[in-house]
Amino acid sequence: MAAHVPLPKSSRNAPLLDEHLPVDHRLNQVYRVGAGLMGLVLLAFGILGLIDEVGFFDTDGDTVAGLNTNGALSVLSICIGLLLFVGMVIGGNFASTLNMVLGIAFILSGFINLALIDTTFNPLAFEIQNVLFSFVVGVLLMFFGMYGRVSSTLPHDNPYWKARHPDRAAQAQAPAQAQAQEQPARPAEPGPGPGPTLDKGQGS
């Protein structure tokens, strides 16, 4: 019968990187705001494109807010905008990861569609301004997703630093916990003493 080897306490209690951040955590708010702002921009762009009733794969140069568009690009923008709104609602590491993944996708899309601009196969009707817009949105999404998460100089109170260095985080918290335990208990304040008593001789 195999002996059960208990895991070290620090490994069992180490915080997981995929745990959600507290709702009121500052990093969580950054991830939510970033996803919400980018989602709102893309949703507005997609809705305006559909209102103009452009063809689904039209490449005749229909523009919305200075950007070329067609029905396919409008629908795709709405879908990505709604996905970012989902990330804003969920928040936490999901929003952070979603921002990073979509940021990389936008940058790759910019390079791919840059190569397709002067070809007969340009299904999203991209022009150079669309490419630049894709790069800008991609960089912003990556910034919002990586903020406070991807850095070599994270502060020691950062939840991602604690998740990656559970032993060092426990050592950093040990002095404060020991100091709290060593503080002497506050003595109880004396209550009011008993009232004056009369001697038996004086009562007679």
C-alpha atoms as a PDB file:
ATOM      1  CA  MET A   1       0.000   0.000   0.000  1.00  0.00           C
ATOM      2  CA  ALA A   2       1.478   3.285  -1.134  1.00  0.00           C
ATOM      3  CA  ALA A   3       2.219   5.752   1.617  1.00  0.00           C
ATOM      4  CA  HIS A   4       0.431   9.064   1.456  1.00  0.00           C
ATOM      5  CA  VAL A   5       2.919  11.898   1.163  1.00  0.00           C
ATOM      6  CA  PRO A   6       1.382  15.175   2.345  1.00  0.00           C
ATOM      7  CA  LEU A   7       2.078  18.224   0.256  1.00  0.00           C
ATOM      8  CA  PRO A   8       3.908  21.157   1.830  1.00  0.00           C
ATOM      9  CA  LYS A   9       1.610  23.619   3.468  1.00  0.00           C
ATOM     10  CA  SER A  10       2.797  26.458   1.240  1.00  0.00           C
ATOM     11  CA  SER A  11       1.943  24.451  -1.907  1.00  0.00           C
ATOM     12  CA  ARG A  12      -1.535  23.485  -0.697  1.00  0.00           C
ATOM     13  CA  ASN A  13      -2.507  26.985   0.321  1.00  0.00           C
ATOM     14  CA  ALA A  14      -0.846  28.838  -2.563  1.00  0.00           C
ATOM     15  CA  PRO A  15      -3.302  31.064  -4.449  1.00  0.00           C
ATOM     16  CA  LEU A  16      -4.070  29.933  -7.972  1.00  0.00           C
ATOM     17  CA  LEU A  17      -3.449  32.284 -10.868  1.00  0.00           C
ATOM     18  CA  ASP A  18      -6.887  31.579 -12.346  1.00  0.00           C
ATOM     19  CA  GLU A  19      -8.752  32.707  -9.221  1.00  0.00           C
ATOM     20  CA  HIS A  20     -10.881  35.793  -9.776  1.00  0.00           C
ATOM     21  CA  LEU A  21      -9.749  39.037  -8.264  1.00  0.00           C
ATOM     22  CA  PRO A  22     -11.982  40.750  -5.725  1.00  0.00           C
ATOM     23  CA  VAL A  23     -14.662  42.889  -7.336  1.00  0.00           C
ATOM     24  CA  ASP A  24     -13.301  46.054  -5.737  1.00  0.00           C
ATOM     25  CA  HIS A  25      -9.637  45.334  -6.547  1.00  0.00           C
ATOM     26  CA  ARG A  26      -7.934  48.102  -8.500  1.00  0.00           C
ATOM     27  CA  LEU A  27      -6.598  45.706 -11.159  1.00  0.00           C
ATOM     28  CA  ASN A  28     -10.053  44.241 -11.636  1.00  0.00           C
ATOM     29  CA  GLN A  29     -11.446  47.707 -12.275  1.00  0.00           C
ATOM     30  CA  VAL A  30      -8.787  48.376 -14.923  1.00  0.00           C
ATOM     31  CA  TYR A  31      -9.629  45.137 -16.745  1.00  0.00           C
ATOM     32  CA  ARG A  32     -13.353  45.895 -16.635  1.00  0.00           C
ATOM     33  CA  VAL A  33     -12.995  49.498 -17.813  1.00  0.00           C
ATOM     34  CA  GLY A  34     -10.663  48.520 -20.646  1.00  0.00           C
ATOM     35  CA  ALA A  35     -12.970  45.784 -21.911  1.00  0.00           C
ATOM     36  CA  GLY A  36     -16.015  48.025 -21.605  1.00  0.00           C
ATOM     37  CA  LEU A  37     -14.489  51.000 -23.448  1.00  0.00           C
ATOM     38  CA  MET A  38     -13.119  48.939 -26.335  1.00  0.00           C
ATOM     39  CA  GLY A  39     -16.353  46.970 -26.553  1.00  0.00           C
ATOM     40  CA  LEU A  40     -18.384  50.174 -26.721  1.00  0.00           C
ATOM     41  CA  VAL A  41     -16.235  51.551 -29.564  1.00  0.00           C
ATOM     42  CA  LEU A  42     -16.499  48.360 -31.602  1.00  0.00           C
ATOM     43  CA  LEU A  43     -20.212  47.976 -30.943  1.00  0.00           C
ATOM     44  CA  ALA A  44     -20.918  51.545 -32.060  1.00  0.00           C
ATOM     45  CA  PHE A  45     -18.819  51.078 -35.210  1.00  0.00           C
ATOM     46  CA  GLY A  46     -20.621  47.844 -36.095  1.00  0.00           C
ATOM     47  CA  ILE A  47     -24.110  49.246 -35.508  1.00  0.00           C
ATOM     48  CA  LEU A  48     -23.394  52.336 -37.614  1.00  0.00           C
ATOM     49  CA  GLY A  49     -22.149  50.083 -40.412  1.00  0.00           C
ATOM     50  CA  LEU A  50     -25.353  48.027 -40.382  1.00  0.00           C
ATOM     51  CA  ILE A  51     -27.518  51.157 -40.308  1.00  0.00           C
ATOM     52  CA  ASP A  52     -25.879  52.319 -43.553  1.00  0.00           C
ATOM     53  CA  GLU A  53     -27.054  49.035 -45.154  1.00  0.00           C
ATOM     54  CA  VAL A  54     -23.755  48.315 -46.894  1.00  0.00           C
ATOM     55  CA  GLY A  55     -23.322  45.022 -48.697  1.00  0.00           C
ATOM     56  CA  PHE A  56     -22.070  42.080 -46.670  1.00  0.00           C
ATOM     57  CA  PHE A  57     -18.841  41.681 -48.672  1.00  0.00           C
ATOM     58  CA  ASP A  58     -18.999  45.053 -50.399  1.00  0.00           C
ATOM     59  CA  THR A  59     -15.616  46.621 -51.185  1.00  0.00           C
ATOM     60  CA  ASP A  60     -16.847  49.829 -52.840  1.00  0.00           C
ATOM     61  CA  GLY A  61     -15.444  52.071 -50.124  1.00  0.00           C
ATOM     62  CA  ASP A  62     -18.387  52.697 -47.762  1.00  0.00           C
ATOM     63  CA  THR A  63     -17.104  54.531 -44.712  1.00  0.00           C
ATOM     64  CA  VAL A  64     -18.234  54.905 -41.088  1.00  0.00           C
ATOM     65  CA  ALA A  65     -16.404  57.399 -38.861  1.00  0.00           C
ATOM     66  CA  GLY A  66     -13.614  57.615 -41.440  1.00  0.00           C
ATOM     67  CA  LEU A  67     -13.126  53.833 -41.595  1.00  0.00           C
ATOM     68  CA  ASN A  68     -13.996  51.567 -44.515  1.00  0.00           C
ATOM     69  CA  THR A  69     -16.594  48.961 -43.684  1.00  0.00           C
ATOM     70  CA  ASN A  70     -19.016  46.409 -45.059  1.00  0.00           C
ATOM     71  CA  GLY A  71     -21.618  44.073 -43.594  1.00  0.00           C
ATOM     72  CA  ALA A  72     -19.106  41.388 -42.634  1.00  0.00           C
ATOM     73  CA  LEU A  73     -16.857  43.828 -40.762  1.00  0.00           C
ATOM     74  CA  SER A  74     -19.882  45.384 -39.035  1.00  0.00           C
ATOM     75  CA  VAL A  75     -21.183  42.036 -37.781  1.00  0.00           C
ATOM     76  CA  LEU A  76     -17.703  40.978 -36.678  1.00  0.00           C
ATOM     77  CA  SER A  77     -17.240  44.255 -34.780  1.00  0.00           C
ATOM     78  CA  ILE A  78     -20.582  43.786 -32.991  1.00  0.00           C
ATOM     79  CA  CYS A  79     -19.705  40.221 -31.987  1.00  0.00           C
ATOM     80  CA  ILE A  80     -16.308  41.223 -30.597  1.00  0.00           C
ATOM     81  CA  GLY A  81     -17.859  44.213 -28.830  1.00  0.00           C
ATOM     82  CA  LEU A  82     -20.428  41.965 -27.135  1.00  0.00           C
ATOM     83  CA  LEU A  83     -17.678  39.526 -26.145  1.00  0.00           C
ATOM     84  CA  LEU A  84     -15.778  42.380 -24.499  1.00  0.00           C
ATOM     85  CA  PHE A  85     -18.933  43.380 -22.626  1.00  0.00           C
ATOM     86  CA  VAL A  86     -19.128  39.822 -21.307  1.00  0.00           C
ATOM     87  CA  GLY A  87     -15.549  40.191 -20.110  1.00  0.00           C
ATOM     88  CA  MET A  88     -16.443  43.493 -18.444  1.00  0.00           C
ATOM     89  CA  VAL A  89     -19.320  41.828 -16.552  1.00  0.00           C
ATOM     90  CA  ILE A  90     -17.261  38.806 -15.432  1.00  0.00           C
ATOM     91  CA  GLY A  91     -14.112  40.796 -14.675  1.00  0.00           C
ATOM     92  CA  GLY A  92     -11.131  39.277 -12.906  1.00  0.00           C
ATOM     93  CA  ASN A  93      -8.578  37.173 -14.731  1.00  0.00           C
ATOM     94  CA  PHE A  94     -11.121  36.334 -17.433  1.00  0.00           C
ATOM     95  CA  ALA A  95     -11.325  39.990 -18.507  1.00  0.00           C
ATOM     96  CA  SER A  96      -7.545  40.344 -18.335  1.00  0.00           C
ATOM     97  CA  THR A  97      -6.907  37.269 -20.474  1.00  0.00           C
ATOM     98  CA  LEU A  98      -9.674  38.183 -22.918  1.00  0.00           C
ATOM     99  CA  ASN A  99      -8.189  41.656 -23.400  1.00  0.00           C
ATOM    100  CA  MET A 100      -4.744  40.207 -24.096  1.00  0.00           C
ATOM    101  CA  VAL A 101      -5.992  37.539 -26.519  1.00  0.00           C
ATOM    102  CA  LEU A 102      -8.152  39.963 -28.495  1.00  0.00           C
ATOM    103  CA  GLY A 103      -5.356  42.526 -28.483  1.00  0.00           C
ATOM    104  CA  ILE A 104      -3.003  40.039 -30.128  1.00  0.00           C
ATOM    105  CA  ALA A 105      -5.785  39.080 -32.577  1.00  0.00           C
ATOM    106  CA  PHE A 106      -6.302  42.721 -33.595  1.00  0.00           C
ATOM    107  CA  ILE A 107      -2.588  43.241 -34.212  1.00  0.00           C
ATOM    108  CA  LEU A 108      -2.366  40.053 -36.291  1.00  0.00           C
ATOM    109  CA  SER A 109      -5.497  41.121 -38.174  1.00  0.00           C
ATOM    110  CA  GLY A 110      -3.837  44.424 -38.983  1.00  0.00           C
ATOM    111  CA  PHE A 111      -0.827  42.718 -40.533  1.00  0.00           C
ATOM    112  CA  ILE A 112      -2.918  40.172 -42.452  1.00  0.00           C
ATOM    113  CA  ASN A 113      -5.326  42.734 -43.873  1.00  0.00           C
ATOM    114  CA  LEU A 114      -2.430  45.052 -44.712  1.00  0.00           C
ATOM    115  CA  ALA A 115      -1.214  42.346 -47.086  1.00  0.00           C
ATOM    116  CA  LEU A 116      -4.725  41.988 -48.574  1.00  0.00           C
ATOM    117  CA  ILE A 117      -5.415  45.675 -49.276  1.00  0.00           C
ATOM    118  CA  ASP A 118      -4.205  45.670 -52.890  1.00  0.00           C
ATOM    119  CA  THR A 119      -5.549  42.220 -53.747  1.00  0.00           C
ATOM    120  CA  THR A 120      -8.881  41.047 -55.116  1.00  0.00           C
ATOM    121  CA  PHE A 121      -9.503  39.104 -51.890  1.00  0.00           C
ATOM    122  CA  ASN A 122     -10.320  41.748 -49.276  1.00  0.00           C
ATOM    123  CA  PRO A 123     -13.457  40.392 -47.543  1.00  0.00           C
ATOM    124  CA  LEU A 124     -13.471  42.975 -44.736  1.00  0.00           C
ATOM    125  CA  ALA A 125     -12.900  45.953 -47.060  1.00  0.00           C
ATOM    126  CA  PHE A 126      -9.812  47.058 -45.138  1.00  0.00           C
ATOM    127  CA  GLU A 127      -7.931  50.202 -46.097  1.00  0.00           C
ATOM    128  CA  ILE A 128      -4.837  51.689 -44.491  1.00  0.00           C
ATOM    129  CA  GLN A 129      -6.923  53.592 -41.920  1.00  0.00           C
ATOM    130  CA  ASN A 130      -8.551  50.322 -40.867  1.00  0.00           C
ATOM    131  CA  VAL A 131      -5.132  48.765 -40.433  1.00  0.00           C
ATOM    132  CA  LEU A 132      -3.986  51.620 -38.211  1.00  0.00           C
ATOM    133  CA  PHE A 133      -7.217  51.416 -36.211  1.00  0.00           C
ATOM    134  CA  SER A 134      -6.704  47.677 -35.743  1.00  0.00           C
ATOM    135  CA  PHE A 135      -3.168  48.281 -34.446  1.00  0.00           C
ATOM    136  CA  VAL A 136      -4.342  50.974 -32.017  1.00  0.00           C
ATOM    137  CA  VAL A 137      -7.192  48.859 -30.630  1.00  0.00           C
ATOM    138  CA  GLY A 138      -4.873  45.860 -30.329  1.00  0.00           C
ATOM    139  CA  VAL A 139      -2.235  47.790 -28.390  1.00  0.00           C
ATOM    140  CA  LEU A 140      -4.844  49.307 -26.067  1.00  0.00           C
ATOM    141  CA  LEU A 141      -6.428  45.921 -25.370  1.00  0.00           C
ATOM    142  CA  MET A 142      -3.044  44.390 -24.622  1.00  0.00           C
ATOM    143  CA  PHE A 143      -2.222  47.280 -22.296  1.00  0.00           C
ATOM    144  CA  PHE A 144      -5.472  46.861 -20.378  1.00  0.00           C
ATOM    145  CA  GLY A 145      -5.003  43.095 -20.213  1.00  0.00           C
ATOM    146  CA  MET A 146      -1.354  43.112 -19.123  1.00  0.00           C
ATOM    147  CA  TYR A 147      -1.653  45.978 -16.658  1.00  0.00           C
ATOM    148  CA  GLY A 148      -0.400  44.869 -13.257  1.00  0.00           C
ATOM    149  CA  ARG A 149       0.038  41.292 -14.482  1.00  0.00           C
ATOM    150  CA  VAL A 150       2.976  41.068 -16.875  1.00  0.00           C
ATOM    151  CA  SER A 151       6.016  42.833 -15.460  1.00  0.00           C
ATOM    152  CA  SER A 152       9.338  41.973 -13.860  1.00  0.00           C
ATOM    153  CA  THR A 153       8.866  44.566 -11.118  1.00  0.00           C
ATOM    154  CA  LEU A 154       5.433  43.771  -9.687  1.00  0.00           C
ATOM    155  CA  PRO A 155       4.945  45.036  -6.107  1.00  0.00           C
ATOM    156  CA  HIS A 156       4.863  42.378  -3.419  1.00  0.00           C
ATOM    157  CA  ASP A 157       1.235  43.138  -2.552  1.00  0.00           C
ATOM    158  CA  ASN A 158       0.188  42.376  -6.134  1.00  0.00           C
ATOM    159  CA  PRO A 159      -2.062  39.255  -6.274  1.00  0.00           C
ATOM    160  CA  TYR A 160      -0.210  37.897  -9.331  1.00  0.00           C
ATOM    161  CA  TRP A 161       3.159  38.252  -7.580  1.00  0.00           C
ATOM    162  CA  LYS A 162       1.739  36.417  -4.556  1.00  0.00           C
ATOM    163  CA  ALA A 163       0.385  33.648  -6.802  1.00  0.00           C
ATOM    164  CA  ARG A 164       3.762  33.156  -8.482  1.00  0.00           C
ATOM    165  CA  HIS A 165       5.818  33.423  -5.262  1.00  0.00           C
ATOM    166  CA  PRO A 166       3.687  31.842  -2.491  1.00  0.00           C
ATOM    167  CA  ASP A 167       6.680  31.032  -0.264  1.00  0.00           C
ATOM    168  CA  ARG A 168       8.116  34.550  -0.418  1.00  0.00           C
ATOM    169  CA  ALA A 169       4.658  36.039   0.112  1.00  0.00           C
ATOM    170  CA  ALA A 170       4.223  33.898   3.228  1.00  0.00           C
ATOM    171  CA  GLN A 171       7.641  34.982   4.506  1.00  0.00           C
ATOM    172  CA  ALA A 172       6.757  38.632   3.933  1.00  0.00           C
ATOM    173  CA  GLN A 173       3.529  38.237   5.931  1.00  0.00           C
ATOM    174  CA  ALA A 174       5.132  36.259   8.769  1.00  0.00           C
ATOM    175  CA  PRO A 175       6.696  39.248  10.646  1.00  0.00           C
ATOM    176  CA  ALA A 176       3.409  41.154  10.652  1.00  0.00           C
ATOM    177  CA  GLN A 177       1.529  38.108  11.926  1.00  0.00           C
ATOM    178  CA  ALA A 178       4.133  37.468  14.619  1.00  0.00           C
ATOM    179  CA  GLN A 179       4.005  41.082  15.722  1.00  0.00           C
ATOM    180  CA  ALA A 180       0.238  40.939  15.977  1.00  0.00           C
ATOM    181  CA  GLN A 181       0.447  37.814  18.139  1.00  0.00           C
ATOM    182  CA  GLU A 182       3.115  39.291  20.427  1.00  0.00           C
ATOM    183  CA  GLN A 183       1.114  42.387  21.280  1.00  0.00           C
ATOM    184  CA  PRO A 184      -0.024  42.051  24.914  1.00  0.00           C
ATOM    185  CA  ALA A 185      -3.704  41.957  25.585  1.00  0.00           C
ATOM    186  CA  ARG A 186      -5.097  45.280  26.710  1.00  0.00           C
ATOM    187  CA  PRO A 187      -5.928  45.133  30.424  1.00  0.00           C
ATOM    188  CA  ALA A 188      -9.541  45.535  31.331  1.00  0.00           C
ATOM    189  CA  GLU A 189     -10.433  48.929  32.708  1.00  0.00           C
ATOM    190  CA  PRO A 190     -11.463  48.780  36.358  1.00  0.00           C
ATOM    191  CA  GLY A 191     -15.153  49.268  36.895  1.00  0.00           C
ATOM    192  CA  PRO A 192     -16.714  51.459  39.503  1.00  0.00           C
ATOM    193  CA  GLY A 193     -15.989  50.230  43.039  1.00  0.00           C
ATOM    194  CA  PRO A 194     -18.649  49.270  45.544  1.00  0.00           C
ATOM    195  CA  GLY A 195     -20.401  52.079  47.327  1.00  0.00           C
ATOM    196  CA  PRO A 196     -19.480  53.129  50.901  1.00  0.00           C
ATOM    197  CA  THR A 197     -20.594  50.770  53.623  1.00  0.00           C
ATOM    198  CA  LEU A 198     -21.676  51.760  57.088  1.00  0.00           C
ATOM    199  CA  ASP A 199     -20.091  50.323  60.176  1.00  0.00           C
ATOM    200  CA  LYS A 200     -22.382  48.415  62.447  1.00  0.00           C
ATOM    201  CA  GLY A 201     -21.657  50.830  65.202  1.00  0.00           C
ATOM    202  CA  GLN A 202     -22.608  53.852  63.112  1.00  0.00           C
ATOM    203  CA  GLY A 203     -25.868  52.323  62.005  1.00  0.00           C
ATOM    204  CA  SER A 204     -27.160  52.149  65.529  1.00  0.00           C
END
